[in-house]
């Protein structure tokens, strides 16, 4: 099952793009395998402006957001789709400069303690040349961009819920709670233009990573189906280009997840196996630097199958045990 991804997107970093009468965008210079070409920050409205997902803490980027304002304009609202640092790290600095009020669903959900015995590594699949290139890229990455993942420090000034409405002069934004990628993920619908800012829930260049325990596959699928009930005409994701065929595209995401489930069930059908053995085959056409994230998504599928009574984690004797990222799994 193929999703019609669109990777034709080459932003000019720091430049403000006028996307519509009410929408402007500035893209941060933080490209990597998880952010695609970088974090796209949207400015909504005129005069009193809402900023969606300020992005990283790069000074040049925060400067560009402020410089995108016309004379006499101010940033009054900061809207956060979810608490990953490529979306939220720059919130504090932007608020310090503007005095804006922050809005989000709430703080980040549970983050497990790091357990080195419950970590999947794919290092043996990297060539020496790939390893050298990736290590160099990491060394060359600015320090402020090296911390990516859950932002456990962000707490919104105003906690929003599904269906809430946030208003400014000439613009009206509806909150759409879409848990799955994270438990606190929301999309923002701009009613005046019938568009939806989808954060990382639906992106044009890739699917979302679902990382338990905060990420949940059942929630993610329900959130996708929820979007099928809406009448949005265009999506603006945080990473990559616009999506102009929302319902067809969302349906392809649902079909894709069903296909992934079938692949996992087929792998288990050959006998007990592990996530470490499943991922290289399922994600052979994906950047290997994303395989550890893919392992989390496979884990989310196995947890869903486990909850349905269709898959079991087993010990060395084939007896049921606790579900874990490094467990051996078999069909129930």
Protein backbone atom coordinates (compact mmCIF):
# COMPACT_ATOMS: atom_id res chain seq x y z
CA UNK A 1 0.00 0.00 0.00
CA UNK A 2 1.57 3.27 -1.14
CA UNK A 3 0.94 6.73 0.31
CA UNK A 4 1.29 9.62 -2.14
CA UNK A 5 3.97 11.47 -0.18
CA UNK A 6 5.13 14.85 -1.45
CA UNK A 7 8.81 15.56 -0.74
CA UNK A 8 9.07 18.43 -3.22
CA UNK A 9 9.62 21.14 -0.65
CA UNK A 10 12.72 23.33 -0.47
CA UNK A 11 12.17 26.26 1.91
CA UNK A 12 14.27 29.39 2.11
CA UNK A 13 15.17 29.46 5.79
CA UNK A 14 14.16 32.61 7.63
CA UNK A 15 12.05 33.91 4.75
CA UNK A 16 8.41 34.72 5.43
CA UNK A 17 6.08 33.09 2.91
CA UNK A 18 2.63 34.59 2.36
CA UNK A 19 0.43 31.51 2.02
CA UNK A 20 -3.01 33.11 2.14
CA UNK A 21 -4.68 36.33 3.34
CA UNK A 22 -4.49 35.05 6.92
CA UNK A 23 -1.50 32.70 6.92
CA UNK A 24 2.25 33.29 6.80
CA UNK A 25 5.03 30.74 7.38
CA UNK A 26 8.68 30.79 8.46
CA UNK A 27 10.70 27.55 8.28
CA UNK A 28 13.46 26.89 10.82
CA UNK A 29 16.90 25.71 9.79
CA UNK A 30 16.66 22.40 11.68
CA UNK A 31 16.42 19.73 8.97
CA UNK A 32 17.04 16.13 10.00
CA UNK A 33 15.54 12.66 9.41
CA UNK A 34 12.68 13.44 11.83
CA UNK A 35 11.86 17.04 10.84
CA UNK A 36 12.28 16.70 7.06
CA UNK A 37 13.39 20.17 5.84
CA UNK A 38 12.71 21.80 9.22
CA UNK A 39 9.94 23.07 11.45
CA UNK A 40 7.37 25.22 9.64
CA UNK A 41 6.02 27.94 11.93
CA UNK A 42 2.68 29.48 10.99
CA UNK A 43 1.59 33.04 11.75
CA UNK A 44 -2.19 33.32 11.68
CA UNK A 45 -4.10 36.57 11.40
CA UNK A 46 -3.22 40.23 10.92
CA UNK A 47 -2.63 42.83 13.58
CA UNK A 48 -2.98 40.54 16.59
CA UNK A 49 -1.24 37.36 15.42
CA UNK A 50 -1.20 33.74 16.61
CA UNK A 51 1.99 31.71 16.13
CA UNK A 52 1.61 27.92 15.81
CA UNK A 53 4.56 25.83 17.10
CA UNK A 54 7.46 28.30 17.46
CA UNK A 55 10.03 25.59 16.73
CA UNK A 56 13.67 25.43 17.90
CA UNK A 57 15.64 27.94 19.95
CA UNK A 58 17.88 29.12 17.11
CA UNK A 59 18.30 32.89 17.46
CA UNK A 60 18.14 33.41 13.69
CA UNK A 61 14.82 31.56 13.64
CA UNK A 62 13.16 33.46 16.50
CA UNK A 63 14.43 36.67 14.88
CA UNK A 64 12.79 35.64 11.61
CA UNK A 65 9.42 34.99 13.28
CA UNK A 66 9.42 38.45 14.85
CA UNK A 67 10.65 40.05 11.63
CA UNK A 68 7.73 38.47 9.74
CA UNK A 69 5.36 40.90 11.44
CA UNK A 70 4.19 44.02 9.65
CA UNK A 71 4.60 47.42 11.36
CA UNK A 72 2.12 47.72 14.21
CA UNK A 73 1.49 43.99 14.51
CA UNK A 74 2.09 41.92 17.62
CA UNK A 75 2.16 38.25 18.55
CA UNK A 76 -0.66 37.78 21.07
CA UNK A 77 -1.10 33.99 21.03
CA UNK A 78 1.26 31.01 20.85
CA UNK A 79 -0.55 27.77 19.94
CA UNK A 80 1.19 24.44 20.53
CA UNK A 81 0.13 21.28 18.70
CA UNK A 82 2.15 18.98 20.99
CA UNK A 83 5.18 18.84 23.23
CA UNK A 84 8.12 17.70 21.13
CA UNK A 85 11.11 20.01 21.26
CA UNK A 86 11.25 20.71 17.52
CA UNK A 87 7.86 22.37 18.08
CA UNK A 88 8.18 23.89 21.56
CA UNK A 89 11.83 24.62 22.41
CA UNK A 90 11.49 28.20 21.15
CA UNK A 91 8.29 28.99 23.06
CA UNK A 92 9.98 30.54 26.10
CA UNK A 93 12.17 32.85 24.03
CA UNK A 94 9.30 33.97 21.80
CA UNK A 95 7.07 34.63 24.81
CA UNK A 96 9.90 36.56 26.51
CA UNK A 97 10.14 38.83 23.47
CA UNK A 98 6.42 39.29 22.85
CA UNK A 99 4.49 38.65 26.06
CA UNK A 100 2.17 36.28 24.19
CA UNK A 101 -0.15 33.84 25.97
CA UNK A 102 0.46 30.13 25.32
CA UNK A 103 -2.27 27.61 24.51
CA UNK A 104 -1.97 23.82 24.43
CA UNK A 105 -3.75 20.66 25.50
CA UNK A 106 -1.52 20.24 28.53
CA UNK A 107 1.92 18.98 29.57
CA UNK A 108 3.58 15.96 28.02
CA UNK A 109 2.38 12.49 28.97
CA UNK A 110 4.37 9.71 30.66
CA UNK A 111 8.01 9.39 29.68
CA UNK A 112 9.60 6.10 30.80
CA UNK A 113 12.98 6.00 32.50
CA UNK A 114 15.69 5.02 30.06
CA UNK A 115 16.37 1.31 30.31
CA UNK A 116 19.51 0.31 28.37
CA UNK A 117 18.33 -3.31 28.49
CA UNK A 118 15.10 -2.40 26.72
CA UNK A 119 16.58 -0.57 23.73
CA UNK A 120 16.71 -1.85 20.17
CA UNK A 121 19.92 -1.11 18.28
CA UNK A 122 20.45 -1.50 14.55
CA UNK A 123 24.12 -0.46 14.55
CA UNK A 124 25.21 -3.65 12.79
CA UNK A 125 23.19 -2.64 9.71
CA UNK A 126 25.21 0.56 9.17
CA UNK A 127 28.30 0.50 7.00
CA UNK A 128 31.47 2.12 8.31
CA UNK A 129 31.00 4.94 5.81
CA UNK A 130 27.40 5.53 6.93
CA UNK A 131 28.42 5.55 10.57
CA UNK A 132 31.21 8.04 9.91
CA UNK A 133 28.89 10.32 7.92
CA UNK A 134 26.15 10.22 10.57
CA UNK A 135 28.59 10.87 13.40
CA UNK A 136 30.04 13.84 11.52
CA UNK A 137 26.55 15.23 10.90
CA UNK A 138 25.85 14.95 14.62
CA UNK A 139 29.09 16.72 15.55
CA UNK A 140 28.20 19.53 13.14
CA UNK A 141 24.68 19.94 14.58
CA UNK A 142 24.25 23.04 16.80
CA UNK A 143 23.96 22.12 20.47
CA UNK A 144 20.49 23.64 20.74
CA UNK A 145 19.22 21.16 18.13
CA UNK A 146 20.71 18.03 19.69
CA UNK A 147 18.00 17.66 22.31
CA UNK A 148 14.98 16.35 20.48
CA UNK A 149 12.05 14.42 21.81
CA UNK A 150 9.60 15.00 24.65
CA UNK A 151 9.45 18.49 26.14
CA UNK A 152 8.47 17.76 29.74
CA UNK A 153 8.92 21.39 30.82
CA UNK A 154 6.24 23.07 28.73
CA UNK A 155 2.95 23.82 30.47
CA UNK A 156 0.51 26.10 28.61
CA UNK A 157 -0.82 29.27 30.18
CA UNK A 158 -4.27 28.18 29.02
CA UNK A 159 -5.13 24.48 28.69
CA UNK A 160 -7.48 23.81 25.80
CA UNK A 161 -9.80 20.89 25.06
CA UNK A 162 -11.43 19.41 22.01
CA UNK A 163 -13.91 21.85 20.48
CA UNK A 164 -12.58 24.94 22.22
CA UNK A 165 -12.39 28.09 20.14
CA UNK A 166 -9.54 30.61 20.22
CA UNK A 167 -10.27 33.99 18.63
CA UNK A 168 -8.42 37.05 17.47
CA UNK A 169 -9.39 39.99 15.26
CA UNK A 170 -10.55 38.46 11.98
CA UNK A 171 -9.56 34.87 12.80
CA UNK A 172 -11.17 31.95 14.60
CA UNK A 173 -9.31 28.75 15.48
CA UNK A 174 -11.01 25.54 16.62
CA UNK A 175 -9.12 23.01 18.76
CA UNK A 176 -9.27 19.41 17.49
CA UNK A 177 -7.80 16.90 19.93
CA UNK A 178 -5.92 14.25 17.93
CA UNK A 179 -4.00 11.98 20.34
CA UNK A 180 -1.84 9.19 18.98
CA UNK A 181 1.54 10.64 18.08
CA UNK A 182 1.42 12.07 21.60
CA UNK A 183 -1.45 12.04 24.07
CA UNK A 184 -1.62 15.85 24.07
CA UNK A 185 -1.55 16.36 20.30
CA UNK A 186 -4.09 18.80 18.88
CA UNK A 187 -4.75 20.23 15.43
CA UNK A 188 -6.00 23.77 14.90
CA UNK A 189 -8.76 24.54 12.40
CA UNK A 190 -8.85 28.04 10.90
CA UNK A 191 -12.56 28.47 10.22
CA UNK A 192 -12.25 31.50 7.93
CA UNK A 193 -10.23 29.50 5.37
CA UNK A 194 -11.42 25.93 6.13
CA UNK A 195 -7.85 24.74 6.69
CA UNK A 196 -6.39 22.55 9.43
CA UNK A 197 -2.93 22.93 10.94
CA UNK A 198 -2.12 19.27 11.55
CA UNK A 199 1.19 19.40 13.42
CA UNK A 200 2.72 15.92 13.22
CA UNK A 201 -0.61 14.07 13.10
CA UNK A 202 -0.83 14.15 9.29
CA UNK A 203 2.23 15.18 7.28
CA UNK A 204 2.84 15.24 3.55
CA UNK A 205 6.33 13.74 3.60
CA UNK A 206 6.01 10.83 6.08
CA UNK A 207 3.75 9.14 8.61
CA UNK A 208 3.85 9.87 12.33
CA UNK A 209 5.94 7.89 14.78
CA UNK A 210 3.86 6.28 17.53
CA UNK A 211 6.05 5.81 20.61
CA UNK A 212 4.49 4.11 23.66
CA UNK A 213 3.65 4.74 26.40
CA UNK A 214 2.56 8.28 25.52
CA UNK A 215 1.91 7.44 21.87
CA UNK A 216 -0.99 5.03 21.29
CA UNK A 217 -1.98 3.31 18.06
CA UNK A 218 -5.69 2.99 18.91
CA UNK A 219 -5.83 6.71 19.70
CA UNK A 220 -3.96 7.53 16.50
CA UNK A 221 -6.34 5.55 14.30
CA UNK A 222 -9.37 7.08 16.04
CA UNK A 223 -7.88 10.54 15.50
CA UNK A 224 -7.40 9.83 11.78
CA UNK A 225 -11.02 8.68 11.48
CA UNK A 226 -12.08 11.83 13.32
CA UNK A 227 -10.55 13.96 10.56
CA UNK A 228 -12.59 12.09 7.93
CA UNK A 229 -15.71 13.60 9.53
CA UNK A 230 -14.49 17.17 8.99
CA UNK A 231 -14.82 19.35 5.91
CA UNK A 232 -11.34 20.93 5.86
CA UNK A 233 -10.19 21.79 2.35
CA UNK A 234 -6.44 21.92 3.03
CA UNK A 235 -3.97 20.78 5.67
CA UNK A 236 -0.88 22.71 6.72
CA UNK A 237 1.44 20.31 8.59
CA UNK A 238 4.38 21.53 10.67
CA UNK A 239 6.85 19.72 8.41
CA UNK A 240 6.65 19.84 4.63
CA UNK A 241 4.15 21.12 2.06
CA UNK A 242 0.38 21.53 2.15
CA UNK A 243 -2.01 18.62 1.65
CA UNK A 244 -4.80 19.49 -0.77
CA UNK A 245 -6.77 16.21 -0.83
CA UNK A 246 -7.33 15.73 2.92
CA UNK A 247 -9.90 12.93 3.06
CA UNK A 248 -8.30 10.78 0.39
CA UNK A 249 -4.91 11.29 2.00
CA UNK A 250 -6.10 10.46 5.53
CA UNK A 251 -7.77 7.30 4.23
CA UNK A 252 -4.44 6.24 2.74
CA UNK A 253 -2.89 6.61 6.21
CA UNK A 254 -5.55 4.34 7.69
CA UNK A 255 -5.02 1.79 4.93
CA UNK A 256 -1.26 2.00 5.48
CA UNK A 257 -1.61 1.13 9.17
CA UNK A 258 -3.80 -1.86 8.36
CA UNK A 259 -1.12 -2.98 5.90
CA UNK A 260 1.59 -2.60 8.55
CA UNK A 261 -0.51 -4.69 10.93
CA UNK A 262 -0.84 -7.40 8.28
CA UNK A 263 2.93 -7.39 7.75
CA UNK A 264 3.54 -7.82 11.47
CA UNK A 265 0.99 -10.62 11.77
CA UNK A 266 2.62 -12.34 8.78
CA UNK A 267 6.03 -12.05 10.45
CA UNK A 268 4.65 -13.57 13.66
CA UNK A 269 3.02 -16.30 11.60
CA UNK A 270 6.42 -17.75 10.78
CA UNK A 271 7.15 -18.27 14.49
CA UNK A 272 8.20 -16.22 17.51
CA UNK A 273 10.19 -13.17 16.52
CA UNK A 274 11.42 -9.80 17.76
CA UNK A 275 10.99 -6.17 16.76
CA UNK A 276 14.70 -6.07 15.96
CA UNK A 277 14.12 -8.80 13.34
CA UNK A 278 10.90 -7.30 11.95
CA UNK A 279 12.01 -3.71 11.32
CA UNK A 280 14.82 -4.20 8.71
CA UNK A 281 12.45 -6.02 6.39
CA UNK A 282 9.42 -3.82 6.90
CA UNK A 283 11.38 -0.57 6.65
CA UNK A 284 14.04 -1.53 4.12
CA UNK A 285 13.23 1.56 2.01
CA UNK A 286 13.40 3.97 4.98
CA UNK A 287 16.47 5.88 6.19
CA UNK A 288 18.16 3.52 8.66
CA UNK A 289 18.54 6.38 11.11
CA UNK A 290 14.76 6.17 11.51
CA UNK A 291 14.70 2.45 12.31
CA UNK A 292 14.77 2.97 16.08
CA UNK A 293 11.72 5.21 15.72
CA UNK A 294 10.17 2.57 13.46
CA UNK A 295 10.79 0.02 16.22
CA UNK A 296 8.55 2.12 18.48
CA UNK A 297 5.81 2.15 15.86
CA UNK A 298 6.04 -1.64 15.45
CA UNK A 299 5.91 -1.89 19.25
CA UNK A 300 2.70 0.18 19.25
CA UNK A 301 1.17 -2.28 16.77
CA UNK A 302 2.22 -5.26 18.90
CA UNK A 303 0.75 -3.66 22.02
CA UNK A 304 -2.51 -3.12 20.12
CA UNK A 305 -2.52 -6.76 18.99
CA UNK A 306 -1.77 -7.79 22.57
CA UNK A 307 -4.74 -5.77 23.85
CA UNK A 308 -6.90 -7.51 21.24
CA UNK A 309 -5.66 -10.93 22.39
CA UNK A 310 -3.96 -11.60 19.05
CA UNK A 311 -0.27 -11.48 20.02
CA UNK A 312 1.73 -12.45 23.10
CA UNK A 313 5.17 -11.55 24.44
CA UNK A 314 6.93 -14.75 25.55
CA UNK A 315 10.03 -15.74 27.48
CA UNK A 316 12.73 -18.20 26.47
CA UNK A 317 10.43 -21.10 27.31
CA UNK A 318 7.60 -19.75 25.19
CA UNK A 319 5.58 -18.73 28.24
CA UNK A 320 3.72 -15.38 28.35
CA UNK A 321 5.69 -12.54 29.88
CA UNK A 322 5.50 -8.75 30.19
CA UNK A 323 5.34 -6.76 26.93
CA UNK A 324 8.57 -4.91 26.20
CA UNK A 325 10.36 -3.36 23.25
CA UNK A 326 12.96 -6.14 23.31
CA UNK A 327 10.54 -9.02 23.96
CA UNK A 328 10.01 -12.01 21.72
CA UNK A 329 6.49 -12.05 20.33
CA UNK A 330 4.24 -14.77 18.91
CA UNK A 331 0.66 -15.06 17.71
CA UNK A 332 -1.81 -15.81 20.47
